[in-house]
């Protein structure tokens, strides 16, 4: 089993990364092979709505979008910070670029279970659930059904979630369940 971890945060060692790494750790304990990609460390442009992918098995944009890694993975873990009530722009561009996984009939070409983890500064973990539910629905439509959405709150300090043993246990367990 191969698990691809995607981090959308520009903050090196930030809470999104901490959560994705915890999920990958859980998957590794179940024998999975894991790989981590940080979207802010690759060249990734936004979708240009050219519809090239509806008549080809690829995207017209030639950048570092990790299609090969996505295709090779059995399941995904996607982590991002919440900016202005929703996912940050790097993660949004990534999700928009998953459009090639929808056929011209608008049915998903793949079915890869996905765990979504989000880091936010707000202590109320339910504050932005309504907005983050969009990500669950969109990813499911694209062929990446979300098995669980875990939100970590009170995350202003980079890496502080690593000290939250209950959250780390929850995320690690979700990573384990993703492959188990």
C-alpha atoms as a PDB file:
ATOM      1  CA  UNK A   1       0.000   0.000   0.000  1.00  0.00           C
ATOM      2  CA  UNK A   2       1.335   3.424  -0.973  1.00  0.00           C
ATOM      3  CA  UNK A   3       0.255   6.588   0.811  1.00  0.00           C
ATOM      4  CA  UNK A   4       0.940  10.045  -0.564  1.00  0.00           C
ATOM      5  CA  UNK A   5       1.022  12.920   1.898  1.00  0.00           C
ATOM      6  CA  UNK A   6       0.353  16.388   0.497  1.00  0.00           C
ATOM      7  CA  UNK A   7       1.148  19.471   2.589  1.00  0.00           C
ATOM      8  CA  UNK A   8      -0.271  22.787   1.413  1.00  0.00           C
ATOM      9  CA  UNK A   9       1.325  25.010   4.031  1.00  0.00           C
ATOM     10  CA  UNK A  10       4.183  27.399   3.253  1.00  0.00           C
ATOM     11  CA  UNK A  11       5.236  27.171   6.902  1.00  0.00           C
ATOM     12  CA  UNK A  12       8.098  24.672   7.172  1.00  0.00           C
ATOM     13  CA  UNK A  13       7.470  22.435  10.175  1.00  0.00           C
ATOM     14  CA  UNK A  14       4.030  23.959  10.601  1.00  0.00           C
ATOM     15  CA  UNK A  15       0.977  22.306  12.055  1.00  0.00           C
ATOM     16  CA  UNK A  16      -0.370  21.088   8.707  1.00  0.00           C
ATOM     17  CA  UNK A  17       2.920  19.282   8.110  1.00  0.00           C
ATOM     18  CA  UNK A  18       2.923  17.909  11.661  1.00  0.00           C
ATOM     19  CA  UNK A  19      -0.553  16.464  11.128  1.00  0.00           C
ATOM     20  CA  UNK A  20       0.240  14.926   7.724  1.00  0.00           C
ATOM     21  CA  UNK A  21       3.428  13.363   9.110  1.00  0.00           C
ATOM     22  CA  UNK A  22       1.459  11.887  12.029  1.00  0.00           C
ATOM     23  CA  UNK A  23      -1.021  10.322   9.598  1.00  0.00           C
ATOM     24  CA  UNK A  24       1.847   8.914   7.516  1.00  0.00           C
ATOM     25  CA  UNK A  25       3.395   7.502  10.690  1.00  0.00           C
ATOM     26  CA  UNK A  26       0.142   5.657  11.394  1.00  0.00           C
ATOM     27  CA  UNK A  27       0.095   4.303   7.843  1.00  0.00           C
ATOM     28  CA  UNK A  28       3.737   3.201   8.105  1.00  0.00           C
ATOM     29  CA  UNK A  29       2.934   1.271  11.289  1.00  0.00           C
ATOM     30  CA  UNK A  30       0.485  -0.741   9.175  1.00  0.00           C
ATOM     31  CA  UNK A  31       3.237  -1.473   6.646  1.00  0.00           C
ATOM     32  CA  UNK A  32       2.465   1.233   4.076  1.00  0.00           C
ATOM     33  CA  UNK A  33       5.090   2.991   2.003  1.00  0.00           C
ATOM     34  CA  UNK A  34       4.765   6.755   2.307  1.00  0.00           C
ATOM     35  CA  UNK A  35       5.894   9.837   0.450  1.00  0.00           C
ATOM     36  CA  UNK A  36       5.513  13.490   1.433  1.00  0.00           C
ATOM     37  CA  UNK A  37       5.206  16.430  -0.977  1.00  0.00           C
ATOM     38  CA  UNK A  38       4.967  20.066   0.074  1.00  0.00           C
ATOM     39  CA  UNK A  39       3.040  22.055  -2.534  1.00  0.00           C
ATOM     40  CA  UNK A  40       4.883  25.266  -1.675  1.00  0.00           C
ATOM     41  CA  UNK A  41       8.215  23.681  -2.593  1.00  0.00           C
ATOM     42  CA  UNK A  42       7.236  22.742  -6.142  1.00  0.00           C
ATOM     43  CA  UNK A  43       6.235  24.738  -9.200  1.00  0.00           C
ATOM     44  CA  UNK A  44       2.440  24.500  -9.314  1.00  0.00           C
ATOM     45  CA  UNK A  45       0.192  26.732 -11.374  1.00  0.00           C
ATOM     46  CA  UNK A  46      -3.558  27.037 -11.180  1.00  0.00           C
ATOM     47  CA  UNK A  47      -6.043  25.427 -13.558  1.00  0.00           C
ATOM     48  CA  UNK A  48      -6.628  27.539 -16.677  1.00  0.00           C
ATOM     49  CA  UNK A  49      -9.935  25.856 -17.637  1.00  0.00           C
ATOM     50  CA  UNK A  50      -8.629  24.932 -21.093  1.00  0.00           C
ATOM     51  CA  UNK A  51     -10.446  21.553 -20.925  1.00  0.00           C
ATOM     52  CA  UNK A  52      -7.416  19.796 -22.434  1.00  0.00           C
ATOM     53  CA  UNK A  53      -7.796  17.084 -19.804  1.00  0.00           C
ATOM     54  CA  UNK A  54     -11.265  16.188 -21.066  1.00  0.00           C
ATOM     55  CA  UNK A  55      -9.851  14.922 -24.365  1.00  0.00           C
ATOM     56  CA  UNK A  56      -6.441  13.745 -23.094  1.00  0.00           C
ATOM     57  CA  UNK A  57      -5.241  11.734 -20.115  1.00  0.00           C
ATOM     58  CA  UNK A  58      -3.187  14.615 -18.809  1.00  0.00           C
ATOM     59  CA  UNK A  59      -3.097  18.329 -18.074  1.00  0.00           C
ATOM     60  CA  UNK A  60      -1.869  20.897 -20.584  1.00  0.00           C
ATOM     61  CA  UNK A  61       0.161  22.690 -17.902  1.00  0.00           C
ATOM     62  CA  UNK A  62       3.659  21.288 -17.660  1.00  0.00           C
ATOM     63  CA  UNK A  63       4.837  21.999 -14.148  1.00  0.00           C
ATOM     64  CA  UNK A  64       5.489  19.935 -11.008  1.00  0.00           C
ATOM     65  CA  UNK A  65       1.895  18.903 -10.257  1.00  0.00           C
ATOM     66  CA  UNK A  66       2.498  15.439  -8.748  1.00  0.00           C
ATOM     67  CA  UNK A  67       0.267  13.409 -11.083  1.00  0.00           C
ATOM     68  CA  UNK A  68       2.710  10.494 -11.209  1.00  0.00           C
ATOM     69  CA  UNK A  69       2.831  10.280  -7.420  1.00  0.00           C
ATOM     70  CA  UNK A  70      -0.969  10.540  -7.196  1.00  0.00           C
ATOM     71  CA  UNK A  71      -1.373   7.793  -9.790  1.00  0.00           C
ATOM     72  CA  UNK A  72       1.118   5.572  -7.939  1.00  0.00           C
ATOM     73  CA  UNK A  73      -0.568   6.110  -4.559  1.00  0.00           C
ATOM     74  CA  UNK A  74      -3.369   3.947  -3.238  1.00  0.00           C
ATOM     75  CA  UNK A  75      -4.578   6.574  -0.769  1.00  0.00           C
ATOM     76  CA  UNK A  76      -3.859  10.219   0.019  1.00  0.00           C
ATOM     77  CA  UNK A  77      -3.455  12.430   3.072  1.00  0.00           C
ATOM     78  CA  UNK A  78      -3.991  16.120   2.337  1.00  0.00           C
ATOM     79  CA  UNK A  79      -3.153  18.736   4.946  1.00  0.00           C
ATOM     80  CA  UNK A  80      -3.524  22.482   4.783  1.00  0.00           C
ATOM     81  CA  UNK A  81      -3.852  25.592   6.924  1.00  0.00           C
ATOM     82  CA  UNK A  82      -7.082  27.533   7.137  1.00  0.00           C
ATOM     83  CA  UNK A  83      -6.673  31.064   5.792  1.00  0.00           C
ATOM     84  CA  UNK A  84      -9.593  33.461   5.759  1.00  0.00           C
ATOM     85  CA  UNK A  85     -12.237  30.816   6.610  1.00  0.00           C
ATOM     86  CA  UNK A  86     -11.058  28.237   4.043  1.00  0.00           C
ATOM     87  CA  UNK A  87      -8.078  26.241   2.724  1.00  0.00           C
ATOM     88  CA  UNK A  88      -5.064  28.229   1.595  1.00  0.00           C
ATOM     89  CA  UNK A  89      -4.438  29.047  -2.065  1.00  0.00           C
ATOM     90  CA  UNK A  90      -1.703  26.437  -2.646  1.00  0.00           C
ATOM     91  CA  UNK A  91      -4.084  23.657  -1.651  1.00  0.00           C
ATOM     92  CA  UNK A  92      -6.944  25.130  -3.654  1.00  0.00           C
ATOM     93  CA  UNK A  93      -4.746  25.220  -6.775  1.00  0.00           C
ATOM     94  CA  UNK A  94      -3.799  21.580  -6.153  1.00  0.00           C
ATOM     95  CA  UNK A  95      -7.431  20.505  -5.851  1.00  0.00           C
ATOM     96  CA  UNK A  96      -8.388  22.463  -8.978  1.00  0.00           C
ATOM     97  CA  UNK A  97      -5.607  20.639 -10.831  1.00  0.00           C
ATOM     98  CA  UNK A  98      -7.180  17.266  -9.940  1.00  0.00           C
ATOM     99  CA  UNK A  99      -9.721  17.965 -12.705  1.00  0.00           C
ATOM    100  CA  UNK A 100      -8.032  15.440 -15.088  1.00  0.00           C
ATOM    101  CA  UNK A 101      -9.344  12.707 -12.773  1.00  0.00           C
ATOM    102  CA  UNK A 102     -12.859  13.490 -14.010  1.00  0.00           C
ATOM    103  CA  UNK A 103     -13.857  12.076 -17.371  1.00  0.00           C
ATOM    104  CA  UNK A 104     -15.678  13.975 -20.096  1.00  0.00           C
ATOM    105  CA  UNK A 105     -18.849  12.403 -18.637  1.00  0.00           C
ATOM    106  CA  UNK A 106     -17.994  14.106 -15.312  1.00  0.00           C
ATOM    107  CA  UNK A 107     -17.562  10.806 -13.514  1.00  0.00           C
ATOM    108  CA  UNK A 108     -14.455  10.089 -11.473  1.00  0.00           C
ATOM    109  CA  UNK A 109     -11.777   7.960 -13.121  1.00  0.00           C
ATOM    110  CA  UNK A 110     -10.268   6.903  -9.776  1.00  0.00           C
ATOM    111  CA  UNK A 111     -11.398   5.972  -6.291  1.00  0.00           C
ATOM    112  CA  UNK A 112      -8.634   6.749  -3.806  1.00  0.00           C
ATOM    113  CA  UNK A 113      -9.551   7.098  -0.152  1.00  0.00           C
ATOM    114  CA  UNK A 114      -8.332  10.387   1.278  1.00  0.00           C
ATOM    115  CA  UNK A 115      -7.773  11.755   4.768  1.00  0.00           C
ATOM    116  CA  UNK A 116      -7.971  15.545   5.112  1.00  0.00           C
ATOM    117  CA  UNK A 117      -6.338  17.375   8.016  1.00  0.00           C
ATOM    118  CA  UNK A 118      -6.616  21.112   8.541  1.00  0.00           C
ATOM    119  CA  UNK A 119      -4.776  23.433  10.915  1.00  0.00           C
ATOM    120  CA  UNK A 120      -6.344  26.655  12.110  1.00  0.00           C
ATOM    121  CA  UNK A 121      -5.611  29.317  14.703  1.00  0.00           C
ATOM    122  CA  UNK A 122      -9.195  29.535  15.944  1.00  0.00           C
ATOM    123  CA  UNK A 123      -9.692  27.488  19.103  1.00  0.00           C
ATOM    124  CA  UNK A 124     -13.231  26.572  17.985  1.00  0.00           C
ATOM    125  CA  UNK A 125     -12.648  23.581  15.709  1.00  0.00           C
ATOM    126  CA  UNK A 126     -16.192  23.887  14.348  1.00  0.00           C
ATOM    127  CA  UNK A 127     -15.802  27.539  13.299  1.00  0.00           C
ATOM    128  CA  UNK A 128     -15.064  26.788   9.629  1.00  0.00           C
ATOM    129  CA  UNK A 129     -16.476  23.276   9.208  1.00  0.00           C
ATOM    130  CA  UNK A 130     -19.144  24.567   6.827  1.00  0.00           C
ATOM    131  CA  UNK A 131     -16.453  25.935   4.507  1.00  0.00           C
ATOM    132  CA  UNK A 132     -14.170  22.921   4.840  1.00  0.00           C
ATOM    133  CA  UNK A 133     -17.019  20.558   3.996  1.00  0.00           C
ATOM    134  CA  UNK A 134     -16.665  21.916   0.457  1.00  0.00           C
ATOM    135  CA  UNK A 135     -13.246  20.257   0.271  1.00  0.00           C
ATOM    136  CA  UNK A 136     -14.729  16.919   1.307  1.00  0.00           C
ATOM    137  CA  UNK A 137     -17.469  17.122  -1.317  1.00  0.00           C
ATOM    138  CA  UNK A 138     -15.147  18.341  -4.069  1.00  0.00           C
ATOM    139  CA  UNK A 139     -12.509  15.692  -3.419  1.00  0.00           C
ATOM    140  CA  UNK A 140     -15.187  12.985  -3.376  1.00  0.00           C
ATOM    141  CA  UNK A 141     -16.520  14.185  -6.723  1.00  0.00           C
ATOM    142  CA  UNK A 142     -12.984  14.098  -8.158  1.00  0.00           C
ATOM    143  CA  UNK A 143     -12.507  10.458  -7.093  1.00  0.00           C
ATOM    144  CA  UNK A 144     -10.804  11.050  -3.751  1.00  0.00           C
ATOM    145  CA  UNK A 145     -13.531  10.278  -1.193  1.00  0.00           C
ATOM    146  CA  UNK A 146     -12.676  11.730   2.190  1.00  0.00           C
ATOM    147  CA  UNK A 147     -12.814   9.128   4.940  1.00  0.00           C
ATOM    148  CA  UNK A 148     -12.297  11.700   7.666  1.00  0.00           C
ATOM    149  CA  UNK A 149     -11.748  15.435   8.151  1.00  0.00           C
ATOM    150  CA  UNK A 150      -9.697  16.298  11.229  1.00  0.00           C
ATOM    151  CA  UNK A 151      -9.370  19.913  12.284  1.00  0.00           C
ATOM    152  CA  UNK A 152      -6.734  21.081  14.728  1.00  0.00           C
ATOM    153  CA  UNK A 153      -7.396  24.353  16.503  1.00  0.00           C
ATOM    154  CA  UNK A 154      -5.309  26.894  18.393  1.00  0.00           C
ATOM    155  CA  UNK A 155      -2.458  26.519  15.935  1.00  0.00           C
ATOM    156  CA  UNK A 156      -0.784  29.909  15.740  1.00  0.00           C
ATOM    157  CA  UNK A 157       2.606  28.579  16.833  1.00  0.00           C
ATOM    158  CA  UNK A 158       4.392  26.538  14.141  1.00  0.00           C
ATOM    159  CA  UNK A 159       4.618  22.880  15.134  1.00  0.00           C
ATOM    160  CA  UNK A 160       2.647  23.300  18.357  1.00  0.00           C
ATOM    161  CA  UNK A 161       0.277  20.477  17.399  1.00  0.00           C
ATOM    162  CA  UNK A 162       3.139  18.021  17.965  1.00  0.00           C
ATOM    163  CA  UNK A 163       2.673  18.712  21.706  1.00  0.00           C
ATOM    164  CA  UNK A 164      -1.067  17.909  21.536  1.00  0.00           C
ATOM    165  CA  UNK A 165      -0.942  14.180  22.254  1.00  0.00           C
ATOM    166  CA  UNK A 166      -4.710  13.669  21.834  1.00  0.00           C
ATOM    167  CA  UNK A 167      -4.700  15.290  18.386  1.00  0.00           C
ATOM    168  CA  UNK A 168      -1.568  13.421  17.304  1.00  0.00           C
ATOM    169  CA  UNK A 169      -3.096  10.124  18.440  1.00  0.00           C
ATOM    170  CA  UNK A 170      -6.317  10.895  16.521  1.00  0.00           C
ATOM    171  CA  UNK A 171      -4.433  11.776  13.319  1.00  0.00           C
ATOM    172  CA  UNK A 172      -2.040   8.825  13.572  1.00  0.00           C
ATOM    173  CA  UNK A 173      -4.989   6.503  14.141  1.00  0.00           C
ATOM    174  CA  UNK A 174      -6.799   7.957  11.093  1.00  0.00           C
ATOM    175  CA  UNK A 175      -3.679   7.341   9.006  1.00  0.00           C
ATOM    176  CA  UNK A 176      -3.588   3.766  10.215  1.00  0.00           C
ATOM    177  CA  UNK A 177      -7.302   3.267   9.458  1.00  0.00           C
ATOM    178  CA  UNK A 178      -6.791   4.708   5.982  1.00  0.00           C
ATOM    179  CA  UNK A 179      -4.640   1.750   5.015  1.00  0.00           C
ATOM    180  CA  UNK A 180      -6.051  -0.873   7.374  1.00  0.00           C
END
